[in-house]
C-alpha atoms as a PDB file:
ATOM      1  CA  VAL A   1      89.845 137.713 114.465  1.00  0.00           C
ATOM      2  CA  ASN A   2      92.033 140.750 114.195  1.00  0.00           C
ATOM      3  CA  ALA A   3      94.952 140.045 116.664  1.00  0.00           C
ATOM      4  CA  SER A   4      98.330 138.906 114.766  1.00  0.00           C
ATOM      5  CA  SER A   5      99.943 135.503 115.247  1.00  0.00           C
ATOM      6  CA  THR A   6      96.715 133.959 116.499  1.00  0.00           C
ATOM      7  CA  VAL A   7      96.284 130.162 116.322  1.00  0.00           C
ATOM      8  CA  ILE A   8      93.030 128.427 116.221  1.00  0.00           C
ATOM      9  CA  ASN A   9      93.821 124.821 116.497  1.00  0.00           C
ATOM     10  CA  GLY A  10      90.893 122.446 116.236  1.00  0.00           C
ATOM     11  CA  ASN A  11      93.271 119.560 116.448  1.00  0.00           C
ATOM     12  CA  SER A  12      94.400 120.278 119.980  1.00  0.00           C
ATOM     13  CA  GLN A  13      91.046 119.158 121.364  1.00  0.00           C
ATOM     14  CA  PRO A  14      91.456 115.298 122.684  1.00  0.00           C
ATOM     15  CA  GLY A  15      89.517 112.382 121.282  1.00  0.00           C
ATOM     16  CA  GLY A  16      86.946 112.355 118.580  1.00  0.00           C
ATOM     17  CA  SER A  17      87.510 112.164 114.827  1.00  0.00           C
ATOM     18  CA  PHE A  18      88.624 114.833 112.189  1.00  0.00           C
ATOM     19  CA  PRO A  19      87.267 117.468 112.303  1.00  0.00           C
ATOM     20  CA  LYS A  20      87.041 117.560 115.960  1.00  0.00           C
ATOM     21  CA  ILE A  21      85.398 121.352 116.091  1.00  0.00           C
ATOM     22  CA  THR A  22      82.786 122.658 113.957  1.00  0.00           C
ATOM     23  CA  VAL A  23      81.815 126.481 113.337  1.00  0.00           C
ATOM     24  CA  ASP A  24      78.150 126.154 112.547  1.00  0.00           C
ATOM     25  CA  GLY A  25      76.660 129.421 111.006  1.00  0.00           C
ATOM     26  CA  VAL A  26      73.191 128.187 110.659  1.00  0.00           C
ATOM     27  CA  ASP A  27      71.789 131.008 112.675  1.00  0.00           C
ATOM     28  CA  LEU A  28      74.277 133.634 111.526  1.00  0.00           C
ATOM     29  CA  TYR A  29      73.737 135.751 108.428  1.00  0.00           C
ATOM     30  CA  LYS A  30      77.521 136.586 108.226  1.00  0.00           C
ATOM     31  CA  THR A  31      80.690 134.663 107.097  1.00  0.00           C
ATOM     32  CA  CYS A  32      81.739 132.108 109.639  1.00  0.00           C
ATOM     33  CA  VAL A  33      85.277 133.511 110.278  1.00  0.00           C
ATOM     34  CA  VAL A  34      86.453 137.100 109.205  1.00  0.00           C
ATOM     35  CA  THR A  35      90.063 138.182 109.756  1.00  0.00           C
ATOM     36  CA  THR A  36      92.450 140.729 109.190  1.00  0.00           C
ATOM     37  CA  ALA A  37      95.292 139.292 111.260  1.00  0.00           C
ATOM     38  CA  THR A  38      98.715 138.797 110.322  1.00  0.00           C
ATOM     39  CA  ASN A  39     100.325 135.439 110.600  1.00  0.00           C
ATOM     40  CA  LEU A  40      97.075 133.840 111.279  1.00  0.00           C
ATOM     41  CA  THR A  41      96.760 130.217 111.575  1.00  0.00           C
ATOM     42  CA  ILE A  42      93.485 128.235 111.490  1.00  0.00           C
ATOM     43  CA  LYS A  43      94.106 124.202 111.679  1.00  0.00           C
ATOM     44  CA  GLY A  44      91.476 121.194 112.083  1.00  0.00           C
ATOM     45  CA  ILE A  45      88.116 123.205 111.933  1.00  0.00           C
ATOM     46  CA  ARG A  46      84.794 122.541 109.972  1.00  0.00           C
ATOM     47  CA  PHE A  47      83.163 125.634 108.700  1.00  0.00           C
ATOM     48  CA  THR A  48      79.408 125.267 107.465  1.00  0.00           C
ATOM     49  CA  ARG A  49      76.007 126.653 107.055  1.00  0.00           C
ATOM     50  CA  SER A  50      76.560 130.409 106.901  1.00  0.00           C
ATOM     51  CA  LEU A  51      73.399 131.795 105.378  1.00  0.00           C
ATOM     52  CA  ASP A  52      74.498 135.145 104.086  1.00  0.00           C
ATOM     53  CA  GLY A  53      78.268 134.519 103.603  1.00  0.00           C
ATOM     54  CA  GLY A  54      80.996 132.286 103.160  1.00  0.00           C
ATOM     55  CA  GLY A  55      83.481 129.749 105.379  1.00  0.00           C
ATOM     56  CA  ILE A  56      86.522 132.155 105.630  1.00  0.00           C
ATOM     57  CA  PHE A  57      87.032 135.750 104.737  1.00  0.00           C
ATOM     58  CA  LEU A  58      90.597 136.801 104.589  1.00  0.00           C
ATOM     59  CA  ASN A  59      90.640 140.574 104.479  1.00  0.00           C
ATOM     60  CA  PRO A  60      93.340 141.609 103.930  1.00  0.00           C
ATOM     61  CA  ALA A  61      95.070 138.978 106.029  1.00  0.00           C
ATOM     62  CA  GLN A  62      98.905 138.383 105.320  1.00  0.00           C
ATOM     63  CA  THR A  63     101.118 135.283 105.656  1.00  0.00           C
ATOM     64  CA  PHE A  64      98.282 133.088 106.866  1.00  0.00           C
ATOM     65  CA  VAL A  65      97.827 129.314 106.885  1.00  0.00           C
ATOM     66  CA  ILE A  66      94.618 127.358 106.561  1.00  0.00           C
ATOM     67  CA  ASP A  67      95.757 123.861 107.082  1.00  0.00           C
ATOM     68  CA  SER A  68      93.424 120.859 107.355  1.00  0.00           C
ATOM     69  CA  CYS A  69      89.883 122.588 107.613  1.00  0.00           C
ATOM     70  CA  VAL A  70      86.766 121.568 106.085  1.00  0.00           C
ATOM     71  CA  VAL A  71      84.702 124.242 104.466  1.00  0.00           C
ATOM     72  CA  VAL A  72      81.303 123.165 103.254  1.00  0.00           C
ATOM     73  CA  GLY A  73      77.681 124.098 102.729  1.00  0.00           C
ATOM     74  CA  ASN A  74      78.071 127.977 103.132  1.00  0.00           C
ATOM     75  CA  ALA A  75      75.037 129.043 101.057  1.00  0.00           C
ATOM     76  CA  PHE A  76      75.822 132.480  99.978  1.00  0.00           C
ATOM     77  CA  SER A  77      79.649 132.971  99.034  1.00  0.00           C
ATOM     78  CA  TYR A  78      83.148 131.482  98.585  1.00  0.00           C
ATOM     79  CA  GLY A  79      84.401 128.745 100.887  1.00  0.00           C
ATOM     80  CA  ILE A  80      87.718 130.508 101.249  1.00  0.00           C
ATOM     81  CA  ASP A  81      87.787 134.258 100.108  1.00  0.00           C
ATOM     82  CA  VAL A  82      91.234 135.645  99.842  1.00  0.00           C
ATOM     83  CA  TYR A  83      91.130 139.721  99.570  1.00  0.00           C
ATOM     84  CA  SER A  84      94.335 141.170  99.000  1.00  0.00           C
ATOM     85  CA  GLY A  85      96.105 138.661 101.048  1.00  0.00           C
ATOM     86  CA  ASP A  86      99.650 137.706 100.414  1.00  0.00           C
ATOM     87  CA  ASN A  87     102.201 135.056 101.342  1.00  0.00           C
ATOM     88  CA  GLY A  88      99.494 132.782 102.609  1.00  0.00           C
ATOM     89  CA  ILE A  89      98.855 128.884 102.692  1.00  0.00           C
ATOM     90  CA  ILE A  90      95.685 126.839 101.902  1.00  0.00           C
ATOM     91  CA  ARG A  91      96.638 123.084 102.387  1.00  0.00           C
ATOM     92  CA  ASN A  92      95.088 119.854 103.181  1.00  0.00           C
ATOM     93  CA  SER A  93      91.713 121.000 103.504  1.00  0.00           C
ATOM     94  CA  TYR A  94      88.160 119.796 101.837  1.00  0.00           C
ATOM     95  CA  ILE A  95      86.593 122.617 100.111  1.00  0.00           C
ATOM     96  CA  GLY A  96      82.991 121.840  98.869  1.00  0.00           C
ATOM     97  CA  ILE A  97      83.554 117.889  99.965  1.00  0.00           C
ATOM     98  CA  GLU A  98      83.029 116.585 103.412  1.00  0.00           C
ATOM     99  CA  ALA A  99      86.234 115.189 105.276  1.00  0.00           C
ATOM    100  CA  ASP A 100      84.937 111.648 104.034  1.00  0.00           C
ATOM    101  CA  GLY A 101      86.397 112.631 100.803  1.00  0.00           C
ATOM    102  CA  THR A 102      82.974 111.556  98.825  1.00  0.00           C
ATOM    103  CA  THR A 103      80.091 113.508 100.307  1.00  0.00           C
ATOM    104  CA  CYS A 104      79.158 116.637  98.328  1.00  0.00           C
ATOM    105  CA  ASN A 105      78.305 119.681 100.371  1.00  0.00           C
ATOM    106  CA  GLY A 106      79.155 122.765  98.034  1.00  0.00           C
ATOM    107  CA  ASN A 107      79.668 126.233  99.021  1.00  0.00           C
ATOM    108  CA  GLY A 108      77.791 128.953  97.141  1.00  0.00           C
ATOM    109  CA  PRO A 109      75.408 127.188  95.016  1.00  0.00           C
ATOM    110  CA  GLY A 110      74.325 130.442  93.757  1.00  0.00           C
ATOM    111  CA  GLY A 111      77.337 131.047  91.874  1.00  0.00           C
ATOM    112  CA  SER A 112      80.695 131.318  94.280  1.00  0.00           C
ATOM    113  CA  ALA A 113      83.904 129.412  94.008  1.00  0.00           C
ATOM    114  CA  GLY A 114      85.362 126.962  96.397  1.00  0.00           C
ATOM    115  CA  ILE A 115      88.472 129.299  96.969  1.00  0.00           C
ATOM    116  CA  ARG A 116      88.831 132.990  95.592  1.00  0.00           C
ATOM    117  CA  VAL A 117      92.012 134.838  95.341  1.00  0.00           C
ATOM    118  CA  TYR A 118      91.152 138.203  94.237  1.00  0.00           C
ATOM    119  CA  ASN A 119      92.108 142.093  94.423  1.00  0.00           C
ATOM    120  CA  GLY A 120      95.817 141.911  94.033  1.00  0.00           C
ATOM    121  CA  ALA A 121      96.480 138.858  96.372  1.00  0.00           C
ATOM    122  CA  ASN A 122      99.839 137.608  95.333  1.00  0.00           C
ATOM    123  CA  SER A 123     102.108 134.776  96.273  1.00  0.00           C
ATOM    124  CA  ASN A 124      99.481 132.513  97.827  1.00  0.00           C
ATOM    125  CA  THR A 125      99.893 128.710  97.748  1.00  0.00           C
ATOM    126  CA  ILE A 126      96.895 126.335  97.203  1.00  0.00           C
ATOM    127  CA  ASP A 127      98.184 122.777  97.773  1.00  0.00           C
ATOM    128  CA  LYS A 128      96.890 119.244  98.533  1.00  0.00           C
ATOM    129  CA  ASN A 129      93.173 120.275  98.756  1.00  0.00           C
ATOM    130  CA  VAL A 130      90.169 118.411  97.631  1.00  0.00           C
ATOM    131  CA  ILE A 131      87.835 120.889  95.931  1.00  0.00           C
ATOM    132  CA  GLY A 132      84.439 119.890  94.569  1.00  0.00           C
ATOM    133  CA  CYS A 133      80.567 120.552  94.175  1.00  0.00           C
ATOM    134  CA  ASN A 134      80.935 124.344  94.497  1.00  0.00           C
ATOM    135  CA  GLY A 135      78.728 126.717  92.876  1.00  0.00           C
ATOM    136  CA  ALA A 136      81.142 128.345  90.253  1.00  0.00           C
ATOM    137  CA  SER A 137      84.926 127.310  89.721  1.00  0.00           C
ATOM    138  CA  ALA A 138      87.016 125.269  92.297  1.00  0.00           C
ATOM    139  CA  VAL A 139      89.621 127.912  92.155  1.00  0.00           C
ATOM    140  CA  GLN A 140      89.138 131.376  91.006  1.00  0.00           C
ATOM    141  CA  ILE A 141      91.934 133.974  90.500  1.00  0.00           C
ATOM    142  CA  ASN A 142      91.170 137.453  89.594  1.00  0.00           C
ATOM    143  CA  LEU A 143      91.325 141.255  89.728  1.00  0.00           C
ATOM    144  CA  ASN A 144      95.303 141.644  89.303  1.00  0.00           C
ATOM    145  CA  SER A 145      96.393 138.733  91.510  1.00  0.00           C
ATOM    146  CA  SER A 146      99.645 137.389  90.755  1.00  0.00           C
ATOM    147  CA  SER A 147     102.407 134.626  91.513  1.00  0.00           C
ATOM    148  CA  ASN A 148      99.941 132.190  93.179  1.00  0.00           C
ATOM    149  CA  ILE A 149     100.664 128.501  93.134  1.00  0.00           C
ATOM    150  CA  VAL A 150      98.186 125.976  92.979  1.00  0.00           C
ATOM    151  CA  THR A 151      99.586 122.446  93.078  1.00  0.00           C
ATOM    152  CA  ASN A 152      98.942 118.914  94.020  1.00  0.00           C
ATOM    153  CA  ASN A 153      94.839 119.301  94.277  1.00  0.00           C
ATOM    154  CA  ILE A 154      92.172 117.093  93.708  1.00  0.00           C
ATOM    155  CA  ILE A 155      89.456 119.112  91.604  1.00  0.00           C
ATOM    156  CA  GLY A 156      86.036 117.932  90.712  1.00  0.00           C
ATOM    157  CA  SER A 157      86.571 114.260  91.916  1.00  0.00           C
ATOM    158  CA  ALA A 158      86.163 112.566  95.193  1.00  0.00           C
ATOM    159  CA  THR A 159      89.078 110.781  96.664  1.00  0.00           C
ATOM    160  CA  ASP A 160      87.572 107.081  96.158  1.00  0.00           C
ATOM    161  CA  ALA A 161      88.795 104.780  93.643  1.00  0.00           C
ATOM    162  CA  PRO A 162      87.527 104.840  91.017  1.00  0.00           C
ATOM    163  CA  CYS A 163      87.342 108.558  90.923  1.00  0.00           C
ATOM    164  CA  THR A 164      83.607 109.788  91.227  1.00  0.00           C
ATOM    165  CA  ASN A 165      82.356 112.783  89.776  1.00  0.00           C
ATOM    166  CA  LYS A 166      82.148 115.723  92.340  1.00  0.00           C
ATOM    167  CA  GLY A 167      82.360 118.297  89.735  1.00  0.00           C
ATOM    168  CA  ASN A 168      82.114 122.261  90.304  1.00  0.00           C
ATOM    169  CA  ALA A 169      79.278 124.166  88.613  1.00  0.00           C
ATOM    170  CA  GLN A 170      81.759 126.354  86.352  1.00  0.00           C
ATOM    171  CA  ARG A 171      85.701 125.695  85.649  1.00  0.00           C
ATOM    172  CA  GLY A 172      88.285 123.477  87.570  1.00  0.00           C
ATOM    173  CA  ILE A 173      90.706 126.435  87.803  1.00  0.00           C
ATOM    174  CA  TYR A 174      89.575 130.236  86.365  1.00  0.00           C
ATOM    175  CA  ILE A 175      92.546 132.724  85.923  1.00  0.00           C
ATOM    176  CA  GLN A 176      91.115 136.248  84.660  1.00  0.00           C
ATOM    177  CA  ALA A 177      92.868 138.445  82.214  1.00  0.00           C
ATOM    178  CA  GLY A 178      95.343 140.691  84.029  1.00  0.00           C
ATOM    179  CA  CYS A 179      96.578 138.094  86.632  1.00  0.00           C
ATOM    180  CA  THR A 180     100.126 137.294  85.818  1.00  0.00           C
ATOM    181  CA  ASN A 181     102.888 134.671  86.783  1.00  0.00           C
ATOM    182  CA  ASN A 182     100.293 132.319  88.349  1.00  0.00           C
ATOM    183  CA  ILE A 183     101.775 128.788  88.368  1.00  0.00           C
ATOM    184  CA  ILE A 184      99.043 125.824  87.942  1.00  0.00           C
ATOM    185  CA  GLY A 185     100.803 122.539  88.706  1.00  0.00           C
ATOM    186  CA  THR A 186     104.601 121.772  88.470  1.00  0.00           C
ATOM    187  CA  VAL A 187     106.681 118.649  87.260  1.00  0.00           C
ATOM    188  CA  GLY A 188     106.077 116.373  90.105  1.00  0.00           C
ATOM    189  CA  ASN A 189     103.273 118.359  91.411  1.00  0.00           C
ATOM    190  CA  PRO A 190     100.241 118.089  89.395  1.00  0.00           C
ATOM    191  CA  ASN A 191      96.775 118.642  89.895  1.00  0.00           C
ATOM    192  CA  ILE A 192      93.961 116.257  89.034  1.00  0.00           C
ATOM    193  CA  ILE A 193      90.960 118.076  87.302  1.00  0.00           C
ATOM    194  CA  ALA A 194      87.919 116.316  86.559  1.00  0.00           C
END
């Protein structure tokens, strides 16, 4: 996807339950979606089973919105990979956990994070997601990426009550040295990390 201001809206389909559209990479040895577009919006789509890649690769998309998506079961790489992308939003999505909020189907079992923000990716917001069961950290910020905000996420836990352990293989949130001014939770907008 390279065209600017593209909207891919799975919620526009009538009937059915969320998510209504699945991008299934079972026969693809590539990432489900790769984009360099500016002002891209992806909503309401399930990305799964890429055999040699991840779910969504933003390279280097600017001012993007990933909203209400399910990114699960991608075998080789990251659920959502933000490479040098700025001013993006990832929100209301399930990363490594199915849309029921309880079923593990992690990304990158060989050692990849649920969401990676890297190589100078700045001023992105990761908000109100459920992130668990992934092969490394839930959220990884590295390679000089700064001023990103991570708030209101449920990390390493299902959404049922009492909460069920759905831990990621490594850390809840990992910020590498050299990444500055990143905000992890604010007053009234905490992350739940189990």
